[in-house]
Amino acid sequence: MATPINSIRKNVLTDEQITEQKLDSLKQLVSENDSAVQQILKLVGELDSIGALEAANKMLEAKEEVANIALGQLTSKPVTNMINNMMGAAGALASLDPAVTEKLVGGLMSGVDEANKAVAENDKISTFQLVRMMKDPDVNRAMNFGIHFLKGLGSNLK
């Protein structure tokens, strides 16, 4: 019969053995990914040649000063106004129906094209032509939209 196990010996590695294992692991990793390592080294060389590495190192050394400057800029009145405006605009855009927005932008682009053609022709519109244009369904639809848009805008400006 076998003798019972009284103690367990744990294999403790020395610092030299741990270093050797790490080096072997690193050698294997580099040899398996030699193309990627070459690209990384080329990239780092390019960054060094244009001075980007030195700039990054200087920024890291002065990280507290850089953070204070960045925070000072972020908390300035114009930047906070811009952030608030962007959040308000994003909220307004999120509440709009995408189909309506697409239709409105398409109409806007078409209107700009028509306006550019009219400006290029440099024709003057008489009062009678203006009255006649109001009978055009497209012009009437745009005027109806514009009048109701102004009514809604005015009611919210109270």
N, C-alpha and C. Protein backbone atom coordinates (compact mmCIF):
# COMPACT_ATOMS: atom_id res chain seq x y z
N MET A 1 0.84 -1.15 0.00
CA MET A 1 0.00 0.00 0.00
C MET A 1 0.90 1.23 0.00
N ALA A 2 0.39 2.32 -0.60
CA ALA A 2 1.18 3.54 -0.73
C ALA A 2 1.18 4.31 0.58
N THR A 3 2.21 5.09 0.73
CA THR A 3 2.29 5.90 1.95
C THR A 3 1.45 7.17 1.78
N PRO A 4 0.82 7.61 2.81
CA PRO A 4 -0.02 8.81 2.70
C PRO A 4 0.83 10.06 2.49
N ILE A 5 0.18 11.06 1.79
CA ILE A 5 0.87 12.34 1.55
C ILE A 5 0.73 13.19 2.80
N ASN A 6 1.86 13.60 3.31
CA ASN A 6 1.86 14.39 4.54
C ASN A 6 2.03 15.89 4.27
N SER A 7 2.68 16.22 3.17
CA SER A 7 2.91 17.64 2.88
C SER A 7 2.91 17.86 1.37
N ILE A 8 2.54 19.09 0.98
CA ILE A 8 2.54 19.46 -0.43
C ILE A 8 3.61 20.50 -0.61
N ARG A 9 4.49 20.22 -1.55
CA ARG A 9 5.57 21.16 -1.82
C ARG A 9 5.17 22.02 -3.02
N LYS A 10 5.18 23.30 -2.80
CA LYS A 10 4.87 24.23 -3.87
C LYS A 10 6.17 24.62 -4.54
N ASN A 11 6.14 24.58 -5.90
CA ASN A 11 7.32 24.91 -6.66
C ASN A 11 7.42 26.44 -6.75
N VAL A 12 8.32 27.03 -6.00
CA VAL A 12 8.49 28.47 -5.97
C VAL A 12 9.61 28.83 -6.93
N LEU A 13 9.27 29.75 -7.87
CA LEU A 13 10.26 30.16 -8.86
C LEU A 13 11.07 31.33 -8.33
N THR A 14 12.32 31.37 -8.73
CA THR A 14 13.17 32.50 -8.36
C THR A 14 12.86 33.68 -9.28
N ASP A 15 13.35 34.84 -8.91
CA ASP A 15 13.14 36.03 -9.73
C ASP A 15 13.75 35.83 -11.12
N GLU A 16 14.89 35.19 -11.20
CA GLU A 16 15.54 34.94 -12.49
C GLU A 16 14.69 34.02 -13.36
N GLN A 17 14.09 32.99 -12.77
CA GLN A 17 13.25 32.08 -13.53
C GLN A 17 11.99 32.78 -14.03
N ILE A 18 11.41 33.64 -13.20
CA ILE A 18 10.22 34.40 -13.61
C ILE A 18 10.57 35.33 -14.77
N THR A 19 11.71 36.00 -14.67
CA THR A 19 12.16 36.89 -15.74
C THR A 19 12.39 36.11 -17.02
N GLU A 20 12.99 34.94 -16.91
CA GLU A 20 13.26 34.10 -18.08
C GLU A 20 11.96 33.65 -18.74
N GLN A 21 10.96 33.28 -17.94
CA GLN A 21 9.66 32.88 -18.49
C GLN A 21 8.99 34.05 -19.22
N LYS A 22 9.07 35.23 -18.62
CA LYS A 22 8.48 36.40 -19.26
C LYS A 22 9.16 36.72 -20.57
N LEU A 23 10.50 36.62 -20.61
CA LEU A 23 11.25 36.88 -21.83
C LEU A 23 10.89 35.85 -22.92
N ASP A 24 10.78 34.59 -22.53
CA ASP A 24 10.39 33.56 -23.50
C ASP A 24 9.00 33.82 -24.07
N SER A 25 8.09 34.22 -23.19
CA SER A 25 6.72 34.53 -23.62
C SER A 25 6.72 35.73 -24.57
N LEU A 26 7.51 36.74 -24.25
CA LEU A 26 7.60 37.92 -25.09
C LEU A 26 8.23 37.60 -26.44
N LYS A 27 9.28 36.77 -26.44
CA LYS A 27 9.91 36.36 -27.70
C LYS A 27 8.91 35.64 -28.59
N GLN A 28 8.14 34.75 -28.01
CA GLN A 28 7.15 34.00 -28.78
C GLN A 28 6.08 34.94 -29.34
N LEU A 29 5.63 35.86 -28.53
CA LEU A 29 4.60 36.82 -28.96
C LEU A 29 5.11 37.70 -30.10
N VAL A 30 6.35 38.17 -29.99
CA VAL A 30 6.94 39.00 -31.05
C VAL A 30 7.11 38.20 -32.33
N SER A 31 7.55 36.97 -32.23
CA SER A 31 7.75 36.16 -33.43
C SER A 31 6.43 35.81 -34.11
N GLU A 32 5.35 35.65 -33.34
CA GLU A 32 4.05 35.35 -33.92
C GLU A 32 3.41 36.58 -34.56
N ASN A 33 3.77 37.77 -34.09
CA ASN A 33 3.15 39.01 -34.57
C ASN A 33 4.20 39.97 -35.10
N ASP A 34 5.17 39.46 -35.84
CA ASP A 34 6.28 40.31 -36.28
C ASP A 34 5.83 41.43 -37.20
N SER A 35 4.84 41.20 -38.04
CA SER A 35 4.35 42.25 -38.94
C SER A 35 3.73 43.40 -38.15
N ALA A 36 2.91 43.06 -37.16
CA ALA A 36 2.28 44.09 -36.34
C ALA A 36 3.33 44.86 -35.55
N VAL A 37 4.32 44.17 -35.02
CA VAL A 37 5.37 44.83 -34.25
C VAL A 37 6.15 45.79 -35.14
N GLN A 38 6.45 45.38 -36.36
CA GLN A 38 7.16 46.25 -37.30
C GLN A 38 6.34 47.49 -37.61
N GLN A 39 5.03 47.33 -37.79
CA GLN A 39 4.17 48.48 -38.08
C GLN A 39 4.12 49.43 -36.89
N ILE A 40 4.04 48.87 -35.69
CA ILE A 40 4.01 49.71 -34.48
C ILE A 40 5.31 50.49 -34.36
N LEU A 41 6.43 49.83 -34.58
CA LEU A 41 7.72 50.50 -34.47
C LEU A 41 7.86 51.59 -35.54
N LYS A 42 7.35 51.32 -36.74
CA LYS A 42 7.39 52.32 -37.81
C LYS A 42 6.54 53.53 -37.42
N LEU A 43 5.35 53.27 -36.87
CA LEU A 43 4.46 54.34 -36.43
C LEU A 43 5.10 55.17 -35.33
N VAL A 44 5.71 54.51 -34.37
CA VAL A 44 6.36 55.23 -33.27
C VAL A 44 7.54 56.04 -33.82
N GLY A 45 8.26 55.50 -34.78
CA GLY A 45 9.36 56.24 -35.40
C GLY A 45 8.87 57.49 -36.10
N GLU A 46 7.77 57.39 -36.83
CA GLU A 46 7.19 58.55 -37.51
C GLU A 46 6.73 59.60 -36.50
N LEU A 47 6.07 59.14 -35.43
CA LEU A 47 5.63 60.07 -34.39
C LEU A 47 6.82 60.78 -33.75
N ASP A 48 7.91 60.06 -33.57
CA ASP A 48 9.10 60.65 -32.99
C ASP A 48 9.73 61.66 -33.95
N SER A 49 9.74 61.33 -35.25
CA SER A 49 10.38 62.23 -36.21
C SER A 49 9.64 63.55 -36.35
N ILE A 50 8.34 63.57 -36.12
CA ILE A 50 7.60 64.84 -36.22
C ILE A 50 7.48 65.53 -34.86
N GLY A 51 8.01 64.93 -33.81
CA GLY A 51 8.01 65.56 -32.50
C GLY A 51 6.77 65.28 -31.67
N ALA A 52 5.90 64.38 -32.14
CA ALA A 52 4.66 64.12 -31.42
C ALA A 52 4.93 63.37 -30.11
N LEU A 53 5.91 62.49 -30.09
CA LEU A 53 6.22 61.76 -28.85
C LEU A 53 6.75 62.70 -27.78
N GLU A 54 7.59 63.62 -28.19
CA GLU A 54 8.13 64.58 -27.21
C GLU A 54 7.00 65.45 -26.66
N ALA A 55 6.10 65.88 -27.54
CA ALA A 55 4.97 66.70 -27.10
C ALA A 55 4.09 65.91 -26.13
N ALA A 56 3.84 64.65 -26.44
CA ALA A 56 3.01 63.82 -25.56
C ALA A 56 3.69 63.62 -24.21
N ASN A 57 5.00 63.40 -24.22
CA ASN A 57 5.73 63.25 -22.97
C ASN A 57 5.68 64.53 -22.13
N LYS A 58 5.83 65.67 -22.77
CA LYS A 58 5.78 66.94 -22.05
C LYS A 58 4.37 67.16 -21.47
N MET A 59 3.33 66.78 -22.22
CA MET A 59 1.97 66.92 -21.71
C MET A 59 1.76 66.01 -20.51
N LEU A 60 2.32 64.81 -20.55
CA LEU A 60 2.18 63.89 -19.41
C LEU A 60 2.93 64.42 -18.19
N GLU A 61 4.08 65.03 -18.43
CA GLU A 61 4.84 65.59 -17.32
C GLU A 61 4.08 66.76 -16.68
N ALA A 62 3.37 67.52 -17.49
CA ALA A 62 2.64 68.69 -16.99
C ALA A 62 1.15 68.40 -16.92
N LYS A 63 0.80 67.17 -16.56
CA LYS A 63 -0.60 66.75 -16.61
C LYS A 63 -1.51 67.58 -15.71
N GLU A 64 -1.03 67.99 -14.56
CA GLU A 64 -1.88 68.79 -13.67
C GLU A 64 -2.16 70.17 -14.28
N GLU A 65 -1.13 70.78 -14.83
CA GLU A 65 -1.32 72.09 -15.46
C GLU A 65 -2.24 71.98 -16.66
N VAL A 66 -2.04 70.95 -17.48
CA VAL A 66 -2.88 70.74 -18.67
C VAL A 66 -4.32 70.49 -18.25
N ALA A 67 -4.52 69.69 -17.21
CA ALA A 67 -5.88 69.41 -16.74
C ALA A 67 -6.54 70.68 -16.22
N ASN A 68 -5.79 71.51 -15.50
CA ASN A 68 -6.36 72.77 -15.00
C ASN A 68 -6.75 73.70 -16.14
N ILE A 69 -5.91 73.78 -17.15
CA ILE A 69 -6.22 74.63 -18.31
C ILE A 69 -7.45 74.09 -19.03
N ALA A 70 -7.49 72.77 -19.26
CA ALA A 70 -8.64 72.16 -19.96
C ALA A 70 -9.93 72.37 -19.18
N LEU A 71 -9.88 72.16 -17.87
CA LEU A 71 -11.08 72.37 -17.05
C LEU A 71 -11.49 73.83 -17.05
N GLY A 72 -10.52 74.72 -17.01
CA GLY A 72 -10.83 76.15 -17.07
C GLY A 72 -11.53 76.52 -18.37
N GLN A 73 -11.07 75.93 -19.47
CA GLN A 73 -11.69 76.21 -20.76
C GLN A 73 -13.09 75.59 -20.85
N LEU A 74 -13.23 74.38 -20.32
CA LEU A 74 -14.53 73.70 -20.39
C LEU A 74 -15.59 74.39 -19.54
N THR A 75 -15.18 75.05 -18.48
CA THR A 75 -16.15 75.69 -17.60
C THR A 75 -16.35 77.16 -17.94
N SER A 76 -15.73 77.64 -19.02
CA SER A 76 -15.93 79.04 -19.39
C SER A 76 -17.35 79.23 -19.94
N LYS A 77 -17.85 80.45 -19.84
CA LYS A 77 -19.22 80.75 -20.22
C LYS A 77 -19.54 80.39 -21.68
N PRO A 78 -18.69 80.74 -22.66
CA PRO A 78 -19.02 80.37 -24.05
C PRO A 78 -19.12 78.86 -24.27
N VAL A 79 -18.25 78.10 -23.63
CA VAL A 79 -18.28 76.65 -23.82
C VAL A 79 -19.52 76.04 -23.17
N THR A 80 -19.86 76.50 -21.97
CA THR A 80 -21.07 75.95 -21.33
C THR A 80 -22.31 76.35 -22.12
N ASN A 81 -22.33 77.57 -22.68
CA ASN A 81 -23.45 77.96 -23.54
C ASN A 81 -23.55 77.06 -24.76
N MET A 82 -22.40 76.77 -25.38
CA MET A 82 -22.39 75.90 -26.56
C MET A 82 -22.89 74.51 -26.20
N ILE A 83 -22.46 73.97 -25.09
CA ILE A 83 -22.89 72.64 -24.67
C ILE A 83 -24.39 72.63 -24.40
N ASN A 84 -24.88 73.66 -23.71
CA ASN A 84 -26.32 73.75 -23.45
C ASN A 84 -27.11 73.87 -24.75
N ASN A 85 -26.62 74.67 -25.69
CA ASN A 85 -27.30 74.82 -26.98
C ASN A 85 -27.31 73.50 -27.75
N MET A 86 -26.19 72.78 -27.72
CA MET A 86 -26.13 71.50 -28.42
C MET A 86 -27.09 70.50 -27.80
N MET A 87 -27.19 70.51 -26.47
CA MET A 87 -28.11 69.59 -25.80
C MET A 87 -29.55 69.95 -26.14
N GLY A 88 -29.85 71.25 -26.18
CA GLY A 88 -31.19 71.68 -26.55
C GLY A 88 -31.52 71.31 -27.98
N ALA A 89 -30.57 71.53 -28.89
CA ALA A 89 -30.79 71.19 -30.29
C ALA A 89 -30.93 69.68 -30.45
N ALA A 90 -30.13 68.91 -29.73
CA ALA A 90 -30.24 67.45 -29.82
C ALA A 90 -31.58 66.98 -29.30
N GLY A 91 -32.08 67.60 -28.23
CA GLY A 91 -33.40 67.24 -27.71
C GLY A 91 -34.49 67.57 -28.70
N ALA A 92 -34.37 68.74 -29.36
CA ALA A 92 -35.37 69.13 -30.36
C ALA A 92 -35.33 68.18 -31.56
N LEU A 93 -34.14 67.85 -32.01
CA LEU A 93 -34.01 66.93 -33.15
C LEU A 93 -34.53 65.53 -32.79
N ALA A 94 -34.32 65.13 -31.56
CA ALA A 94 -34.78 63.80 -31.15
C ALA A 94 -36.30 63.72 -31.12
N SER A 95 -36.96 64.86 -30.88
CA SER A 95 -38.41 64.84 -30.80
C SER A 95 -39.06 64.97 -32.18
N LEU A 96 -38.29 65.31 -33.21
CA LEU A 96 -38.85 65.45 -34.55
C LEU A 96 -38.99 64.09 -35.23
N ASP A 97 -40.02 63.99 -36.04
CA ASP A 97 -40.23 62.78 -36.83
C ASP A 97 -39.21 62.78 -37.97
N PRO A 98 -38.40 61.74 -38.12
CA PRO A 98 -37.37 61.72 -39.16
C PRO A 98 -37.94 61.88 -40.57
N ALA A 99 -39.11 61.35 -40.83
CA ALA A 99 -39.70 61.47 -42.17
C ALA A 99 -40.03 62.93 -42.47
N VAL A 100 -40.55 63.65 -41.47
CA VAL A 100 -40.88 65.06 -41.66
C VAL A 100 -39.60 65.86 -41.85
N THR A 101 -38.57 65.56 -41.08
CA THR A 101 -37.30 66.26 -41.20
C THR A 101 -36.70 66.04 -42.58
N GLU A 102 -36.75 64.81 -43.07
CA GLU A 102 -36.22 64.50 -44.39
C GLU A 102 -36.98 65.26 -45.47
N LYS A 103 -38.28 65.31 -45.33
CA LYS A 103 -39.11 66.03 -46.29
C LYS A 103 -38.80 67.53 -46.26
N LEU A 104 -38.64 68.09 -45.06
CA LEU A 104 -38.35 69.51 -44.91
C LEU A 104 -36.98 69.86 -45.50
N VAL A 105 -35.98 69.03 -45.24
CA VAL A 105 -34.64 69.29 -45.77
C VAL A 105 -34.65 69.16 -47.29
N GLY A 106 -35.35 68.17 -47.81
CA GLY A 106 -35.46 68.01 -49.27
C GLY A 106 -36.11 69.23 -49.89
N GLY A 107 -37.19 69.73 -49.27
CA GLY A 107 -37.84 70.93 -49.77
C GLY A 107 -36.95 72.15 -49.69
N LEU A 108 -36.17 72.24 -48.63
CA LEU A 108 -35.24 73.35 -48.47
C LEU A 108 -34.19 73.34 -49.58
N MET A 109 -33.66 72.18 -49.88
CA MET A 109 -32.64 72.07 -50.93
C MET A 109 -33.24 72.41 -52.30
N SER A 110 -34.45 71.93 -52.54
CA SER A 110 -35.13 72.25 -53.81
C SER A 110 -35.39 73.74 -53.91
N GLY A 111 -35.80 74.36 -52.80
CA GLY A 111 -36.05 75.80 -52.79
C GLY A 111 -34.78 76.60 -53.05
N VAL A 112 -33.67 76.16 -52.49
CA VAL A 112 -32.39 76.84 -52.73
C VAL A 112 -32.01 76.74 -54.20
N ASP A 113 -32.22 75.59 -54.82
CA ASP A 113 -31.93 75.43 -56.25
C ASP A 113 -32.77 76.38 -57.09
N GLU A 114 -34.07 76.43 -56.80
CA GLU A 114 -34.97 77.33 -57.54
C GLU A 114 -34.55 78.79 -57.33
N ALA A 115 -34.20 79.16 -56.12
CA ALA A 115 -33.79 80.53 -55.83
C ALA A 115 -32.51 80.89 -56.58
N ASN A 116 -31.57 79.95 -56.66
CA ASN A 116 -30.33 80.21 -57.40
C ASN A 116 -30.60 80.42 -58.88
N LYS A 117 -31.53 79.64 -59.43
CA LYS A 117 -31.90 79.82 -60.84
C LYS A 117 -32.51 81.20 -61.06
N ALA A 118 -33.38 81.62 -60.16
CA ALA A 118 -34.03 82.93 -60.29
C ALA A 118 -33.02 84.06 -60.17
N VAL A 119 -32.05 83.91 -59.26
CA VAL A 119 -31.03 84.95 -59.10
C VAL A 119 -30.16 85.02 -60.35
N ALA A 120 -29.85 83.87 -60.95
CA ALA A 120 -29.02 83.85 -62.16
C ALA A 120 -29.73 84.52 -63.33
N GLU A 121 -31.06 84.39 -63.42
CA GLU A 121 -31.81 85.01 -64.51
C GLU A 121 -31.97 86.51 -64.31
N ASN A 122 -31.93 86.96 -63.06
CA ASN A 122 -32.00 88.38 -62.72
C ASN A 122 -33.28 89.04 -63.23
N ASP A 123 -34.40 88.30 -63.24
CA ASP A 123 -35.69 88.85 -63.66
C ASP A 123 -36.37 89.52 -62.48
N LYS A 124 -37.14 90.56 -62.77
CA LYS A 124 -37.92 91.22 -61.74
C LYS A 124 -39.34 90.67 -61.80
N ILE A 125 -39.98 90.55 -60.63
CA ILE A 125 -41.34 90.04 -60.56
C ILE A 125 -42.29 91.22 -60.36
N SER A 126 -43.28 91.28 -61.21
CA SER A 126 -44.27 92.35 -61.07
C SER A 126 -45.32 91.92 -60.05
N THR A 127 -46.15 92.86 -59.66
CA THR A 127 -47.21 92.58 -58.69
C THR A 127 -48.18 91.55 -59.25
N PHE A 128 -48.50 91.67 -60.54
CA PHE A 128 -49.43 90.72 -61.16
C PHE A 128 -48.83 89.31 -61.21
N GLN A 129 -47.52 89.23 -61.49
CA GLN A 129 -46.87 87.91 -61.49
C GLN A 129 -46.89 87.31 -60.08
N LEU A 130 -46.73 88.15 -59.08
CA LEU A 130 -46.75 87.68 -57.69
C LEU A 130 -48.13 87.12 -57.33
N VAL A 131 -49.18 87.84 -57.73
CA VAL A 131 -50.54 87.37 -57.47
C VAL A 131 -50.79 86.06 -58.21
N ARG A 132 -50.33 85.97 -59.45
CA ARG A 132 -50.50 84.76 -60.24
C ARG A 132 -49.74 83.59 -59.62
N MET A 133 -48.54 83.86 -59.08
CA MET A 133 -47.74 82.80 -58.45
C MET A 133 -48.43 82.25 -57.20
N MET A 134 -49.20 83.09 -56.52
CA MET A 134 -49.88 82.63 -55.32
C MET A 134 -50.93 81.56 -55.64
N LYS A 135 -51.37 81.51 -56.90
CA LYS A 135 -52.33 80.49 -57.32
C LYS A 135 -51.63 79.16 -57.61
N ASP A 136 -50.31 79.19 -57.77
CA ASP A 136 -49.54 77.95 -57.99
C ASP A 136 -49.63 77.11 -56.72
N PRO A 137 -50.03 75.83 -56.82
CA PRO A 137 -50.20 74.99 -55.62
C PRO A 137 -48.91 74.86 -54.79
N ASP A 138 -47.77 74.79 -55.45
CA ASP A 138 -46.50 74.65 -54.72
C ASP A 138 -46.19 75.92 -53.92
N VAL A 139 -46.38 77.08 -54.55
CA VAL A 139 -46.13 78.35 -53.87
C VAL A 139 -47.12 78.52 -52.73
N ASN A 140 -48.40 78.19 -52.99
CA ASN A 140 -49.43 78.32 -51.97
C ASN A 140 -49.14 77.42 -50.78
N ARG A 141 -48.67 76.20 -51.04
CA ARG A 141 -48.35 75.25 -49.97
C ARG A 141 -47.20 75.80 -49.13
N ALA A 142 -46.18 76.37 -49.78
CA ALA A 142 -45.04 76.92 -49.05
C ALA A 142 -45.45 78.14 -48.23
N MET A 143 -46.30 78.99 -48.81
CA MET A 143 -46.76 80.16 -48.07
C MET A 143 -47.62 79.75 -46.88
N ASN A 144 -48.48 78.75 -47.06
CA ASN A 144 -49.31 78.24 -45.98
C ASN A 144 -48.42 77.69 -44.86
N PHE A 145 -47.41 76.92 -45.24
CA PHE A 145 -46.46 76.38 -44.27
C PHE A 145 -45.76 77.51 -43.53
N GLY A 146 -45.28 78.50 -44.27
CA GLY A 146 -44.56 79.61 -43.66
C GLY A 146 -45.41 80.42 -42.71
N ILE A 147 -46.65 80.69 -43.09
CA ILE A 147 -47.54 81.47 -42.23
C ILE A 147 -47.83 80.72 -40.95
N HIS A 148 -48.11 79.42 -41.05
CA HIS A 148 -48.40 78.64 -39.85
C HIS A 148 -47.15 78.43 -39.00
N PHE A 149 -46.01 78.34 -39.66
CA PHE A 149 -44.75 78.26 -38.92
C PHE A 149 -44.56 79.53 -38.10
N LEU A 150 -44.77 80.68 -38.72
CA LEU A 150 -44.61 81.95 -38.01
C LEU A 150 -45.62 82.08 -36.88
N LYS A 151 -46.86 81.57 -37.08
CA LYS A 151 -47.88 81.62 -36.03
C LYS A 151 -47.42 80.78 -34.83
N GLY A 152 -46.94 79.56 -35.08
CA GLY A 152 -46.45 78.71 -33.99
C GLY A 152 -45.25 79.31 -33.29
N LEU A 153 -44.35 79.88 -34.07
CA LEU A 153 -43.16 80.51 -33.49
C LEU A 153 -43.58 81.68 -32.60
N GLY A 154 -44.47 82.49 -33.10
CA GLY A 154 -44.94 83.65 -32.33
C GLY A 154 -45.64 83.27 -31.06
N SER A 155 -46.45 82.19 -31.10
CA SER A 155 -47.15 81.78 -29.88
C SER A 155 -46.19 81.27 -28.82
N ASN A 156 -45.07 80.68 -29.22
CA ASN A 156 -44.09 80.21 -28.23
C ASN A 156 -43.16 81.32 -27.76
N LEU A 157 -43.17 82.45 -28.44
CA LEU A 157 -42.29 83.57 -28.04
C LEU A 157 -42.93 84.44 -26.97
N LYS A 158 -44.21 84.18 -26.62
CA LYS A 158 -44.89 84.98 -25.61
C LYS A 158 -44.14 84.92 -24.29
